[in-house]
Amino acid sequence: MSNAVTLRLHYFPFPGRGAAIRDALRIGGIAFEDVHLPPDRFREQKAAGQLRFSSLPALEIETPGGTVSAMQSNAILRFVGRQTGLYPMDDPVRALKVDEALDLGEDINHAIGPSIAEQNAERRMAMRKILAEETLPRLAGVLERLLVANGRTGFVAGDSLTVADLKLYWIVDKLTNGTLDGIPKSLLDGFAAVNAWRQNVAAVRETRMASAVQDRGRALPA
């Protein structure tokens, strides 16, 4: 595929579900336009029916033959992962485990989403109490067991970085960076495998990002 192909990633101007996609594209050295959509503009587009799933992120792939638009963060991550070596192409069992971890990430996102949307402070804090004491420790335990079952390699599937690691890395950051009132930064302190994995992914991500040739960017393969 020629350099006439253009990728545009539409998402809000914060990490959320877009961060792992941005990371994967940058690690893979694939040029893309990072379109930040302010929340008020998102609401306008949603009301006008311009967003097929009424949500973001959205990826536009512009080719000489036309533009293809896709939504759903995990679908986009799999697509980008296939182009960047961050999704298994020749190991269906490992691909299954990557998909499993991606879906765990969405389980966590769906768990915390209602409390983020809740405008009433009292109800929001009541929801966060249940999240902090019950729901999130249970889901963290699922991640812990996945990492142990994978042999504590420092990755969630196999022995190298995948899009599932990037997705879960940003979700764990959200849970522990202090931006969610009522969710303590110490939430995951008792999960040894999760913390070792997080440190490893942070280091590998930083190294891969630094070595990527971002200024030249490469086209998607034909």
N, C-alpha and C. Protein backbone atom coordinates (compact mmCIF):
# COMPACT_ATOMS: atom_id res chain seq x y z
N MET A 1 0.85 -1.19 0.00
CA MET A 1 0.00 0.00 0.00
C MET A 1 0.88 1.23 0.00
N SER A 2 0.51 2.21 -0.77
CA SER A 2 1.35 3.39 -0.93
C SER A 2 1.18 4.36 0.22
N ASN A 3 2.04 5.38 0.23
CA ASN A 3 1.96 6.40 1.26
C ASN A 3 0.74 7.31 1.10
N ALA A 4 -0.07 7.04 0.04
CA ALA A 4 -1.30 7.80 -0.13
C ALA A 4 -2.33 7.43 0.93
N VAL A 5 -2.10 6.31 1.61
CA VAL A 5 -3.00 5.90 2.69
C VAL A 5 -2.82 6.82 3.89
N THR A 6 -3.92 7.30 4.41
CA THR A 6 -3.88 8.18 5.58
C THR A 6 -4.76 7.60 6.68
N LEU A 7 -4.21 7.56 7.88
CA LEU A 7 -4.98 7.13 9.04
C LEU A 7 -5.33 8.34 9.90
N ARG A 8 -6.57 8.38 10.35
CA ARG A 8 -6.99 9.42 11.28
C ARG A 8 -7.66 8.73 12.47
N LEU A 9 -7.13 9.00 13.64
CA LEU A 9 -7.72 8.48 14.87
C LEU A 9 -8.47 9.61 15.56
N HIS A 10 -9.76 9.41 15.75
CA HIS A 10 -10.60 10.42 16.40
C HIS A 10 -10.87 9.98 17.83
N TYR A 11 -10.48 10.82 18.77
CA TYR A 11 -10.75 10.52 20.17
C TYR A 11 -10.65 11.81 20.97
N PHE A 12 -11.01 11.72 22.24
CA PHE A 12 -10.95 12.87 23.13
C PHE A 12 -9.50 13.24 23.43
N PRO A 13 -9.26 14.45 23.91
CA PRO A 13 -7.88 14.88 24.21
C PRO A 13 -7.38 14.39 25.57
N PHE A 14 -7.59 13.10 25.84
CA PHE A 14 -7.06 12.47 27.06
C PHE A 14 -6.87 10.99 26.74
N PRO A 15 -6.18 10.24 27.61
CA PRO A 15 -5.83 8.84 27.27
C PRO A 15 -7.03 7.94 26.97
N GLY A 16 -7.79 7.57 28.02
CA GLY A 16 -8.97 6.74 27.83
C GLY A 16 -8.73 5.54 26.92
N ARG A 17 -9.72 5.24 26.08
CA ARG A 17 -9.61 4.11 25.16
C ARG A 17 -8.71 4.41 23.97
N GLY A 18 -8.30 5.65 23.81
CA GLY A 18 -7.46 6.00 22.67
C GLY A 18 -5.98 5.82 22.90
N ALA A 19 -5.55 5.78 24.16
CA ALA A 19 -4.11 5.79 24.46
C ALA A 19 -3.38 4.57 23.91
N ALA A 20 -3.96 3.39 24.08
CA ALA A 20 -3.30 2.17 23.61
C ALA A 20 -3.20 2.15 22.09
N ILE A 21 -4.22 2.68 21.41
CA ILE A 21 -4.18 2.75 19.95
C ILE A 21 -3.08 3.70 19.50
N ARG A 22 -3.00 4.87 20.13
CA ARG A 22 -1.93 5.81 19.81
C ARG A 22 -0.56 5.18 20.03
N ASP A 23 -0.41 4.50 21.17
CA ASP A 23 0.87 3.85 21.48
C ASP A 23 1.24 2.83 20.41
N ALA A 24 0.27 1.98 20.04
CA ALA A 24 0.56 0.91 19.08
C ALA A 24 0.98 1.49 17.73
N LEU A 25 0.31 2.53 17.28
CA LEU A 25 0.67 3.16 16.02
C LEU A 25 2.07 3.78 16.10
N ARG A 26 2.35 4.44 17.21
CA ARG A 26 3.67 5.08 17.36
C ARG A 26 4.78 4.04 17.49
N ILE A 27 4.53 2.99 18.26
CA ILE A 27 5.53 1.94 18.40
C ILE A 27 5.81 1.29 17.04
N GLY A 28 4.75 1.12 16.24
CA GLY A 28 4.90 0.53 14.92
C GLY A 28 5.44 1.48 13.88
N GLY A 29 5.62 2.75 14.23
CA GLY A 29 6.14 3.72 13.28
C GLY A 29 5.18 4.05 12.16
N ILE A 30 3.88 3.87 12.41
CA ILE A 30 2.88 4.16 11.38
C ILE A 30 2.35 5.58 11.58
N ALA A 31 2.50 6.39 10.54
CA ALA A 31 2.04 7.78 10.62
C ALA A 31 0.52 7.82 10.71
N PHE A 32 0.01 8.72 11.53
CA PHE A 32 -1.43 8.89 11.65
C PHE A 32 -1.72 10.30 12.12
N GLU A 33 -2.92 10.74 11.84
CA GLU A 33 -3.38 12.05 12.32
C GLU A 33 -4.17 11.82 13.60
N ASP A 34 -3.72 12.43 14.67
CA ASP A 34 -4.35 12.26 15.98
C ASP A 34 -5.35 13.39 16.18
N VAL A 35 -6.60 13.12 15.84
CA VAL A 35 -7.65 14.14 15.87
C VAL A 35 -8.30 14.14 17.24
N HIS A 36 -8.15 15.23 17.96
CA HIS A 36 -8.75 15.36 19.30
C HIS A 36 -10.12 16.02 19.18
N LEU A 37 -11.12 15.33 19.67
CA LEU A 37 -12.49 15.81 19.58
C LEU A 37 -12.95 16.30 20.95
N PRO A 38 -13.18 17.59 21.14
CA PRO A 38 -13.66 18.09 22.43
C PRO A 38 -15.00 17.46 22.78
N PRO A 39 -15.27 17.27 24.07
CA PRO A 39 -16.53 16.64 24.48
C PRO A 39 -17.78 17.30 23.92
N ASP A 40 -17.79 18.64 23.82
CA ASP A 40 -18.99 19.29 23.30
C ASP A 40 -19.21 18.97 21.83
N ARG A 41 -18.12 18.88 21.07
CA ARG A 41 -18.23 18.50 19.66
C ARG A 41 -18.67 17.04 19.52
N PHE A 42 -18.20 16.19 20.43
CA PHE A 42 -18.63 14.79 20.44
C PHE A 42 -20.13 14.70 20.65
N ARG A 43 -20.64 15.46 21.60
CA ARG A 43 -22.08 15.43 21.87
C ARG A 43 -22.88 15.88 20.65
N GLU A 44 -22.37 16.88 19.93
CA GLU A 44 -23.04 17.35 18.71
C GLU A 44 -23.08 16.25 17.66
N GLN A 45 -21.95 15.59 17.44
CA GLN A 45 -21.88 14.52 16.44
C GLN A 45 -22.76 13.34 16.83
N LYS A 46 -22.78 13.02 18.12
CA LYS A 46 -23.61 11.92 18.60
C LYS A 46 -25.09 12.23 18.38
N ALA A 47 -25.50 13.45 18.71
CA ALA A 47 -26.90 13.85 18.54
C ALA A 47 -27.30 13.86 17.08
N ALA A 48 -26.35 14.17 16.20
CA ALA A 48 -26.62 14.23 14.77
C ALA A 48 -26.56 12.86 14.10
N GLY A 49 -26.25 11.82 14.89
CA GLY A 49 -26.17 10.48 14.33
C GLY A 49 -24.96 10.23 13.47
N GLN A 50 -23.90 11.02 13.68
CA GLN A 50 -22.70 10.88 12.86
C GLN A 50 -21.75 9.79 13.37
N LEU A 51 -22.01 9.28 14.56
CA LEU A 51 -21.16 8.24 15.14
C LEU A 51 -21.93 6.93 15.15
N ARG A 52 -21.48 5.97 14.37
CA ARG A 52 -22.24 4.75 14.14
C ARG A 52 -22.56 4.00 15.44
N PHE A 53 -21.61 3.97 16.36
CA PHE A 53 -21.84 3.30 17.63
C PHE A 53 -22.07 4.30 18.76
N SER A 54 -22.27 5.56 18.40
CA SER A 54 -22.49 6.63 19.39
C SER A 54 -21.35 6.72 20.38
N SER A 55 -20.14 6.40 19.93
CA SER A 55 -19.00 6.41 20.85
C SER A 55 -17.72 6.62 20.07
N LEU A 56 -16.65 6.82 20.80
CA LEU A 56 -15.30 6.93 20.26
C LEU A 56 -14.43 5.93 21.03
N PRO A 57 -13.28 5.53 20.44
CA PRO A 57 -12.58 6.09 19.29
C PRO A 57 -13.16 5.64 17.96
N ALA A 58 -12.74 6.37 16.92
CA ALA A 58 -13.06 6.01 15.54
C ALA A 58 -11.77 6.12 14.73
N LEU A 59 -11.58 5.16 13.84
CA LEU A 59 -10.41 5.17 12.97
C LEU A 59 -10.88 5.30 11.53
N GLU A 60 -10.33 6.29 10.84
CA GLU A 60 -10.59 6.47 9.41
C GLU A 60 -9.36 6.03 8.64
N ILE A 61 -9.57 5.18 7.63
CA ILE A 61 -8.50 4.72 6.76
C ILE A 61 -8.81 5.26 5.37
N GLU A 62 -8.04 6.24 4.96
CA GLU A 62 -8.30 6.91 3.69
C GLU A 62 -7.35 6.36 2.64
N THR A 63 -7.90 5.78 1.60
CA THR A 63 -7.12 5.20 0.52
C THR A 63 -7.56 5.81 -0.80
N PRO A 64 -6.80 5.60 -1.87
CA PRO A 64 -7.23 6.10 -3.18
C PRO A 64 -8.60 5.57 -3.60
N GLY A 65 -8.98 4.41 -3.05
CA GLY A 65 -10.27 3.83 -3.40
C GLY A 65 -11.43 4.29 -2.54
N GLY A 66 -11.16 5.11 -1.54
CA GLY A 66 -12.23 5.59 -0.67
C GLY A 66 -11.83 5.52 0.79
N THR A 67 -12.75 5.91 1.66
CA THR A 67 -12.49 5.97 3.08
C THR A 67 -13.29 4.89 3.82
N VAL A 68 -12.58 4.17 4.67
CA VAL A 68 -13.22 3.18 5.53
C VAL A 68 -13.16 3.70 6.96
N SER A 69 -14.28 3.66 7.65
CA SER A 69 -14.34 4.12 9.03
C SER A 69 -14.71 2.96 9.93
N ALA A 70 -14.01 2.84 11.05
CA ALA A 70 -14.29 1.76 11.99
C ALA A 70 -14.29 2.29 13.41
N MET A 71 -15.13 1.72 14.23
CA MET A 71 -15.19 2.07 15.64
C MET A 71 -14.98 0.80 16.47
N GLN A 72 -15.16 0.90 17.77
CA GLN A 72 -14.93 -0.18 18.74
C GLN A 72 -13.42 -0.33 18.98
N SER A 73 -13.00 0.05 20.18
CA SER A 73 -11.58 0.15 20.48
C SER A 73 -10.83 -1.17 20.32
N ASN A 74 -11.43 -2.28 20.72
CA ASN A 74 -10.73 -3.56 20.60
C ASN A 74 -10.56 -3.97 19.14
N ALA A 75 -11.55 -3.70 18.31
CA ALA A 75 -11.42 -4.00 16.88
C ALA A 75 -10.30 -3.17 16.27
N ILE A 76 -10.23 -1.90 16.63
CA ILE A 76 -9.17 -1.03 16.12
C ILE A 76 -7.81 -1.50 16.62
N LEU A 77 -7.74 -1.90 17.88
CA LEU A 77 -6.47 -2.39 18.42
C LEU A 77 -6.00 -3.64 17.70
N ARG A 78 -6.91 -4.54 17.40
CA ARG A 78 -6.51 -5.75 16.67
C ARG A 78 -6.02 -5.40 15.27
N PHE A 79 -6.71 -4.48 14.61
CA PHE A 79 -6.29 -4.06 13.27
C PHE A 79 -4.89 -3.45 13.31
N VAL A 80 -4.70 -2.50 14.22
CA VAL A 80 -3.40 -1.84 14.33
C VAL A 80 -2.33 -2.84 14.77
N GLY A 81 -2.69 -3.72 15.70
CA GLY A 81 -1.74 -4.72 16.16
C GLY A 81 -1.24 -5.62 15.05
N ARG A 82 -2.12 -5.96 14.13
CA ARG A 82 -1.71 -6.80 13.00
C ARG A 82 -0.72 -6.09 12.08
N GLN A 83 -0.81 -4.76 12.02
CA GLN A 83 0.09 -4.01 11.16
C GLN A 83 1.44 -3.72 11.82
N THR A 84 1.49 -3.85 13.13
CA THR A 84 2.67 -3.40 13.87
C THR A 84 3.40 -4.51 14.61
N GLY A 85 2.96 -5.76 14.46
CA GLY A 85 3.60 -6.85 15.17
C GLY A 85 3.19 -6.95 16.62
N LEU A 86 2.12 -6.29 17.00
CA LEU A 86 1.66 -6.28 18.39
C LEU A 86 0.41 -7.15 18.60
N TYR A 87 0.10 -7.98 17.60
CA TYR A 87 -1.00 -8.93 17.70
C TYR A 87 -0.55 -10.20 16.99
N PRO A 88 -0.75 -11.37 17.62
CA PRO A 88 -0.26 -12.62 17.02
C PRO A 88 -0.90 -12.91 15.67
N MET A 89 -0.06 -13.16 14.68
CA MET A 89 -0.55 -13.45 13.33
C MET A 89 -0.53 -14.94 13.01
N ASP A 90 0.37 -15.68 13.65
CA ASP A 90 0.54 -17.09 13.28
C ASP A 90 0.39 -18.03 14.48
N ASP A 91 -0.22 -17.53 15.55
CA ASP A 91 -0.43 -18.33 16.74
C ASP A 91 -1.84 -18.09 17.24
N PRO A 92 -2.81 -18.88 16.76
CA PRO A 92 -4.20 -18.63 17.12
C PRO A 92 -4.50 -18.77 18.61
N VAL A 93 -3.76 -19.62 19.31
CA VAL A 93 -3.99 -19.77 20.74
C VAL A 93 -3.54 -18.51 21.48
N ARG A 94 -2.37 -17.99 21.11
CA ARG A 94 -1.92 -16.76 21.75
C ARG A 94 -2.84 -15.60 21.38
N ALA A 95 -3.33 -15.58 20.15
CA ALA A 95 -4.28 -14.54 19.76
C ALA A 95 -5.54 -14.61 20.62
N LEU A 96 -5.97 -15.82 20.91
CA LEU A 96 -7.13 -16.02 21.79
C LEU A 96 -6.87 -15.41 23.17
N LYS A 97 -5.66 -15.61 23.69
CA LYS A 97 -5.33 -15.07 25.01
C LYS A 97 -5.22 -13.54 24.98
N VAL A 98 -4.75 -13.00 23.86
CA VAL A 98 -4.73 -11.54 23.71
C VAL A 98 -6.16 -11.01 23.71
N ASP A 99 -7.04 -11.66 22.95
CA ASP A 99 -8.43 -11.24 22.90
C ASP A 99 -9.09 -11.33 24.28
N GLU A 100 -8.77 -12.38 25.01
CA GLU A 100 -9.29 -12.54 26.37
C GLU A 100 -8.90 -11.36 27.24
N ALA A 101 -7.63 -10.95 27.16
CA ALA A 101 -7.14 -9.84 27.97
C ALA A 101 -7.75 -8.52 27.51
N LEU A 102 -7.93 -8.35 26.20
CA LEU A 102 -8.59 -7.15 25.70
C LEU A 102 -10.01 -7.04 26.25
N ASP A 103 -10.71 -8.16 26.27
CA ASP A 103 -12.09 -8.15 26.78
C ASP A 103 -12.13 -7.92 28.30
N LEU A 104 -11.11 -8.40 29.01
CA LEU A 104 -11.02 -8.08 30.43
C LEU A 104 -10.90 -6.58 30.62
N GLY A 105 -10.13 -5.94 29.76
CA GLY A 105 -10.01 -4.49 29.83
C GLY A 105 -11.36 -3.81 29.67
N GLU A 106 -12.17 -4.31 28.75
CA GLU A 106 -13.50 -3.71 28.58
C GLU A 106 -14.40 -4.01 29.77
N ASP A 107 -14.24 -5.17 30.38
CA ASP A 107 -15.00 -5.46 31.61
C ASP A 107 -14.71 -4.39 32.67
N ILE A 108 -13.44 -4.03 32.79
CA ILE A 108 -13.06 -3.00 33.78
C ILE A 108 -13.61 -1.65 33.37
N ASN A 109 -13.48 -1.30 32.09
CA ASN A 109 -14.02 -0.02 31.63
C ASN A 109 -15.51 0.08 31.88
N HIS A 110 -16.24 -1.00 31.60
CA HIS A 110 -17.68 -0.99 31.80
C HIS A 110 -18.04 -0.92 33.28
N ALA A 111 -17.18 -1.45 34.13
CA ALA A 111 -17.44 -1.39 35.56
C ALA A 111 -17.33 0.03 36.10
N ILE A 112 -16.32 0.76 35.64
CA ILE A 112 -16.10 2.11 36.18
C ILE A 112 -16.89 3.18 35.44
N GLY A 113 -17.35 2.86 34.23
CA GLY A 113 -18.03 3.86 33.41
C GLY A 113 -19.22 4.53 34.05
N PRO A 114 -20.16 3.79 34.65
CA PRO A 114 -21.33 4.44 35.25
C PRO A 114 -20.97 5.45 36.33
N SER A 115 -19.94 5.18 37.11
CA SER A 115 -19.57 6.13 38.17
C SER A 115 -18.94 7.38 37.58
N ILE A 116 -18.28 7.26 36.44
CA ILE A 116 -17.71 8.44 35.78
C ILE A 116 -18.83 9.32 35.22
N ALA A 117 -19.88 8.68 34.72
CA ALA A 117 -20.99 9.43 34.15
C ALA A 117 -21.92 10.01 35.20
N GLU A 118 -21.91 9.47 36.41
CA GLU A 118 -22.83 9.91 37.46
C GLU A 118 -22.51 11.34 37.89
N GLN A 119 -23.50 12.23 37.80
CA GLN A 119 -23.31 13.63 38.14
C GLN A 119 -23.56 13.94 39.62
N ASN A 120 -24.36 13.11 40.27
CA ASN A 120 -24.66 13.32 41.68
C ASN A 120 -23.49 12.81 42.53
N ALA A 121 -22.86 13.69 43.27
CA ALA A 121 -21.64 13.34 44.01
C ALA A 121 -21.88 12.23 45.03
N GLU A 122 -23.01 12.29 45.73
CA GLU A 122 -23.28 11.29 46.75
C GLU A 122 -23.46 9.90 46.14
N ARG A 123 -24.22 9.84 45.05
CA ARG A 123 -24.41 8.55 44.39
C ARG A 123 -23.10 8.05 43.78
N ARG A 124 -22.31 9.00 43.22
CA ARG A 124 -21.03 8.61 42.62
C ARG A 124 -20.10 8.00 43.66
N MET A 125 -20.03 8.60 44.83
CA MET A 125 -19.13 8.07 45.86
C MET A 125 -19.62 6.73 46.40
N ALA A 126 -20.93 6.54 46.44
CA ALA A 126 -21.47 5.24 46.85
C ALA A 126 -21.09 4.17 45.84
N MET A 127 -21.15 4.52 44.57
CA MET A 127 -20.74 3.59 43.51
C MET A 127 -19.25 3.28 43.60
N ARG A 128 -18.46 4.31 43.87
CA ARG A 128 -17.01 4.13 43.95
C ARG A 128 -16.62 3.25 45.15
N LYS A 129 -17.40 3.34 46.22
CA LYS A 129 -17.12 2.51 47.40
C LYS A 129 -17.25 1.03 47.04
N ILE A 130 -18.30 0.70 46.31
CA ILE A 130 -18.49 -0.68 45.88
C ILE A 130 -17.38 -1.09 44.92
N LEU A 131 -17.02 -0.18 44.01
CA LEU A 131 -15.93 -0.47 43.07
C LEU A 131 -14.63 -0.76 43.82
N ALA A 132 -14.29 0.11 44.77
CA ALA A 132 -13.01 -0.01 45.47
C ALA A 132 -12.94 -1.23 46.37
N GLU A 133 -14.08 -1.60 46.96
CA GLU A 133 -14.07 -2.68 47.95
C GLU A 133 -14.43 -4.04 47.37
N GLU A 134 -15.14 -4.05 46.23
CA GLU A 134 -15.63 -5.33 45.72
C GLU A 134 -15.27 -5.55 44.24
N THR A 135 -15.79 -4.72 43.36
CA THR A 135 -15.71 -4.98 41.92
C THR A 135 -14.28 -4.95 41.39
N LEU A 136 -13.55 -3.88 41.70
CA LEU A 136 -12.21 -3.76 41.13
C LEU A 136 -11.21 -4.75 41.72
N PRO A 137 -11.24 -5.04 43.03
CA PRO A 137 -10.37 -6.11 43.52
C PRO A 137 -10.66 -7.45 42.86
N ARG A 138 -11.95 -7.72 42.59
CA ARG A 138 -12.28 -8.99 41.92
C ARG A 138 -11.69 -9.02 40.50
N LEU A 139 -11.83 -7.94 39.76
CA LEU A 139 -11.29 -7.88 38.40
C LEU A 139 -9.76 -7.86 38.40
N ALA A 140 -9.17 -7.19 39.39
CA ALA A 140 -7.72 -7.22 39.51
C ALA A 140 -7.23 -8.64 39.78
N GLY A 141 -8.02 -9.39 40.53
CA GLY A 141 -7.68 -10.78 40.78
C GLY A 141 -7.70 -11.61 39.50
N VAL A 142 -8.62 -11.29 38.60
CA VAL A 142 -8.66 -11.98 37.31
C VAL A 142 -7.38 -11.69 36.53
N LEU A 143 -6.96 -10.43 36.50
CA LEU A 143 -5.72 -10.07 35.81
C LEU A 143 -4.52 -10.74 36.47
N GLU A 144 -4.50 -10.76 37.78
CA GLU A 144 -3.41 -11.42 38.50
C GLU A 144 -3.30 -12.88 38.08
N ARG A 145 -4.42 -13.57 38.01
CA ARG A 145 -4.40 -14.99 37.65
C ARG A 145 -3.99 -15.19 36.20
N LEU A 146 -4.39 -14.28 35.32
CA LEU A 146 -3.94 -14.36 33.93
C LEU A 146 -2.42 -14.27 33.83
N LEU A 147 -1.85 -13.34 34.58
CA LEU A 147 -0.41 -13.12 34.54
C LEU A 147 0.34 -14.32 35.12
N VAL A 148 -0.17 -14.87 36.19
CA VAL A 148 0.46 -16.05 36.79
C VAL A 148 0.37 -17.24 35.83
N ALA A 149 -0.81 -17.42 35.23
CA ALA A 149 -1.00 -18.53 34.29
C ALA A 149 -0.09 -18.39 33.08
N ASN A 150 0.25 -17.14 32.72
CA ASN A 150 1.15 -16.91 31.58
C ASN A 150 2.62 -17.05 31.97
N GLY A 151 2.88 -17.46 33.20
CA GLY A 151 4.25 -17.71 33.61
C GLY A 151 4.99 -16.49 34.14
N ARG A 152 4.24 -15.44 34.49
CA ARG A 152 4.86 -14.21 35.00
C ARG A 152 5.97 -13.72 34.06
N THR A 153 5.68 -13.70 32.78
CA THR A 153 6.66 -13.26 31.78
C THR A 153 6.81 -11.74 31.72
N GLY A 154 5.91 -11.04 32.39
CA GLY A 154 5.90 -9.58 32.28
C GLY A 154 4.93 -9.09 31.23
N PHE A 155 4.20 -10.04 30.62
CA PHE A 155 3.21 -9.70 29.60
C PHE A 155 1.96 -10.55 29.85
N VAL A 156 0.82 -10.13 29.29
CA VAL A 156 -0.41 -10.86 29.57
C VAL A 156 -0.59 -12.09 28.69
N ALA A 157 0.09 -12.11 27.54
CA ALA A 157 -0.04 -13.25 26.63
C ALA A 157 1.30 -13.48 25.94
N GLY A 158 1.91 -14.62 26.19
CA GLY A 158 3.21 -14.89 25.58
C GLY A 158 4.33 -14.14 26.29
N ASP A 159 5.40 -13.91 25.56
CA ASP A 159 6.59 -13.31 26.17
C ASP A 159 7.03 -12.02 25.50
N SER A 160 6.08 -11.33 24.87
CA SER A 160 6.40 -10.04 24.26
C SER A 160 5.19 -9.12 24.31
N LEU A 161 5.43 -7.85 24.08
CA LEU A 161 4.39 -6.82 24.17
C LEU A 161 3.31 -7.02 23.12
N THR A 162 2.05 -6.88 23.53
CA THR A 162 0.92 -6.90 22.60
C THR A 162 0.00 -5.73 22.91
N VAL A 163 -0.98 -5.55 22.02
CA VAL A 163 -1.95 -4.48 22.24
C VAL A 163 -2.73 -4.68 23.54
N ALA A 164 -2.85 -5.92 23.99
CA ALA A 164 -3.56 -6.16 25.26
C ALA A 164 -2.79 -5.58 26.43
N ASP A 165 -1.46 -5.68 26.41
CA ASP A 165 -0.65 -5.07 27.46
C ASP A 165 -0.85 -3.56 27.47
N LEU A 166 -0.86 -2.96 26.29
CA LEU A 166 -1.00 -1.51 26.22
C LEU A 166 -2.37 -1.07 26.73
N LYS A 167 -3.40 -1.79 26.35
CA LYS A 167 -4.75 -1.42 26.80
C LYS A 167 -4.86 -1.51 28.33
N LEU A 168 -4.42 -2.64 28.87
CA LEU A 168 -4.54 -2.83 30.32
C LEU A 168 -3.61 -1.90 31.08
N TYR A 169 -2.46 -1.57 30.50
CA TYR A 169 -1.53 -0.63 31.14
C TYR A 169 -2.23 0.70 31.41
N TRP A 170 -2.94 1.21 30.41
CA TRP A 170 -3.60 2.51 30.59
C TRP A 170 -4.81 2.42 31.51
N ILE A 171 -5.48 1.27 31.52
CA ILE A 171 -6.60 1.10 32.44
C ILE A 171 -6.09 1.08 33.88
N VAL A 172 -5.02 0.33 34.12
CA VAL A 172 -4.43 0.28 35.46
C VAL A 172 -3.95 1.66 35.89
N ASP A 173 -3.38 2.42 34.96
CA ASP A 173 -2.97 3.79 35.27
C ASP A 173 -4.17 4.62 35.72
N LYS A 174 -5.28 4.49 35.01
CA LYS A 174 -6.48 5.24 35.37
C LYS A 174 -6.97 4.88 36.77
N LEU A 175 -6.88 3.60 37.11
CA LEU A 175 -7.38 3.15 38.40
C LEU A 175 -6.52 3.62 39.57
N THR A 176 -5.26 3.94 39.30
CA THR A 176 -4.32 4.20 40.41
C THR A 176 -3.66 5.57 40.36
N ASN A 177 -4.10 6.44 39.46
CA ASN A 177 -3.42 7.74 39.37
C ASN A 177 -4.10 8.84 40.19
N GLY A 178 -5.14 8.48 40.93
CA GLY A 178 -5.77 9.44 41.83
C GLY A 178 -6.83 10.32 41.21
N THR A 179 -7.16 10.10 39.93
CA THR A 179 -8.16 10.95 39.28
C THR A 179 -9.59 10.46 39.51
N LEU A 180 -9.73 9.24 40.02
CA LEU A 180 -11.07 8.72 40.32
C LEU A 180 -11.31 8.86 41.82
N ASP A 181 -12.08 9.85 42.21
CA ASP A 181 -12.39 10.05 43.63
C ASP A 181 -12.97 8.79 44.24
N GLY A 182 -12.46 8.42 45.40
CA GLY A 182 -12.98 7.26 46.09
C GLY A 182 -12.27 5.97 45.73
N ILE A 183 -11.41 6.01 44.72
CA ILE A 183 -10.61 4.84 44.36
C ILE A 183 -9.18 5.10 44.82
N PRO A 184 -8.71 4.41 45.84
CA PRO A 184 -7.38 4.72 46.40
C PRO A 184 -6.25 4.34 45.43
N LYS A 185 -5.19 5.13 45.46
CA LYS A 185 -4.03 4.83 44.63
C LYS A 185 -3.43 3.47 44.99
N SER A 186 -3.68 3.03 46.20
CA SER A 186 -3.13 1.76 46.69
C SER A 186 -4.00 0.56 46.29
N LEU A 187 -4.99 0.77 45.44
CA LEU A 187 -5.95 -0.27 45.10
C LEU A 187 -5.28 -1.60 44.72
N LEU A 188 -4.19 -1.54 43.97
CA LEU A 188 -3.58 -2.75 43.43
C LEU A 188 -2.31 -3.16 44.16
N ASP A 189 -2.05 -2.55 45.30
CA ASP A 189 -0.80 -2.83 46.02
C ASP A 189 -0.65 -4.30 46.39
N GLY A 190 -1.73 -4.99 46.63
CA GLY A 190 -1.65 -6.37 47.06
C GLY A 190 -1.54 -7.39 45.94
N PHE A 191 -1.42 -6.93 44.71
CA PHE A 191 -1.38 -7.83 43.56
C PHE A 191 0.03 -7.83 42.97
N ALA A 192 0.85 -8.76 43.43
CA ALA A 192 2.27 -8.77 43.10
C ALA A 192 2.52 -8.94 41.61
N ALA A 193 1.81 -9.87 40.98
CA ALA A 193 2.04 -10.10 39.54
C ALA A 193 1.61 -8.90 38.71
N VAL A 194 0.51 -8.25 39.12
CA VAL A 194 0.04 -7.06 38.39
C VAL A 194 1.08 -5.96 38.48
N ASN A 195 1.63 -5.74 39.65
CA ASN A 195 2.61 -4.66 39.81
C ASN A 195 3.91 -4.94 39.07
N ALA A 196 4.36 -6.19 39.07
CA ALA A 196 5.57 -6.54 38.32
C ALA A 196 5.32 -6.38 36.82
N TRP A 197 4.16 -6.82 36.37
CA TRP A 197 3.78 -6.64 34.95
C TRP A 197 3.73 -5.16 34.58
N ARG A 198 3.13 -4.37 35.44
CA ARG A 198 3.00 -2.94 35.14
C ARG A 198 4.37 -2.28 34.98
N GLN A 199 5.29 -2.60 35.87
CA GLN A 199 6.63 -2.03 35.77
C GLN A 199 7.33 -2.47 34.49
N ASN A 200 7.15 -3.73 34.14
CA ASN A 200 7.79 -4.23 32.93
C ASN A 200 7.21 -3.58 31.68
N VAL A 201 5.89 -3.50 31.60
CA VAL A 201 5.26 -2.90 30.43
C VAL A 201 5.64 -1.43 30.31
N ALA A 202 5.72 -0.72 31.42
CA ALA A 202 6.12 0.69 31.38
C ALA A 202 7.51 0.83 30.78
N ALA A 203 8.43 -0.04 31.19
CA ALA A 203 9.80 0.03 30.69
C ALA A 203 9.88 -0.35 29.22
N VAL A 204 9.19 -1.43 28.85
CA VAL A 204 9.21 -1.87 27.45
C VAL A 204 8.54 -0.84 26.56
N ARG A 205 7.42 -0.30 27.01
CA ARG A 205 6.72 0.73 26.23
C ARG A 205 7.62 1.93 26.00
N GLU A 206 8.30 2.38 27.05
CA GLU A 206 9.17 3.54 26.92
C GLU A 206 10.30 3.27 25.92
N THR A 207 10.89 2.09 25.99
CA THR A 207 11.97 1.74 25.08
C THR A 207 11.49 1.67 23.64
N ARG A 208 10.35 1.00 23.44
CA ARG A 208 9.82 0.85 22.09
C ARG A 208 9.39 2.20 21.50
N MET A 209 8.80 3.05 22.33
CA MET A 209 8.39 4.37 21.85
C MET A 209 9.60 5.19 21.45
N ALA A 210 10.67 5.10 22.25
CA ALA A 210 11.87 5.89 21.97
C ALA A 210 12.55 5.45 20.69
N SER A 211 12.48 4.16 20.38
CA SER A 211 13.19 3.64 19.22
C SER A 211 12.37 3.70 17.93
N ALA A 212 11.08 3.99 18.05
CA ALA A 212 10.23 4.06 16.86
C ALA A 212 10.59 5.26 16.01
N VAL A 213 10.57 5.08 14.72
CA VAL A 213 10.85 6.18 13.80
C VAL A 213 9.52 6.87 13.49
N GLN A 214 9.17 7.81 14.34
CA GLN A 214 7.85 8.43 14.24
C GLN A 214 7.83 9.55 13.20
N ASP A 215 8.95 10.25 13.04
CA ASP A 215 8.91 11.41 12.17
C ASP A 215 8.76 11.02 10.70
N ARG A 216 9.29 9.81 10.33
CA ARG A 216 9.15 9.37 8.95
C ARG A 216 7.83 8.63 8.77
N GLY A 217 7.47 7.81 9.75
CA GLY A 217 6.23 7.02 9.63
C GLY A 217 6.29 6.10 8.42
N ARG A 218 5.63 4.98 8.50
CA ARG A 218 5.57 4.09 7.37
C ARG A 218 4.13 3.84 6.99
N ALA A 219 3.94 3.45 5.74
CA ALA A 219 2.58 3.15 5.29
C ALA A 219 2.14 1.79 5.78
N LEU A 220 0.86 1.57 5.82
CA LEU A 220 0.35 0.24 6.11
C LEU A 220 0.75 -0.70 4.98
N PRO A 221 1.04 -1.96 5.29
CA PRO A 221 1.38 -2.91 4.23
C PRO A 221 0.17 -3.17 3.34
N ALA A 222 0.46 -3.54 2.10
CA ALA A 222 -0.63 -3.80 1.15
C ALA A 222 -1.38 -5.07 1.55
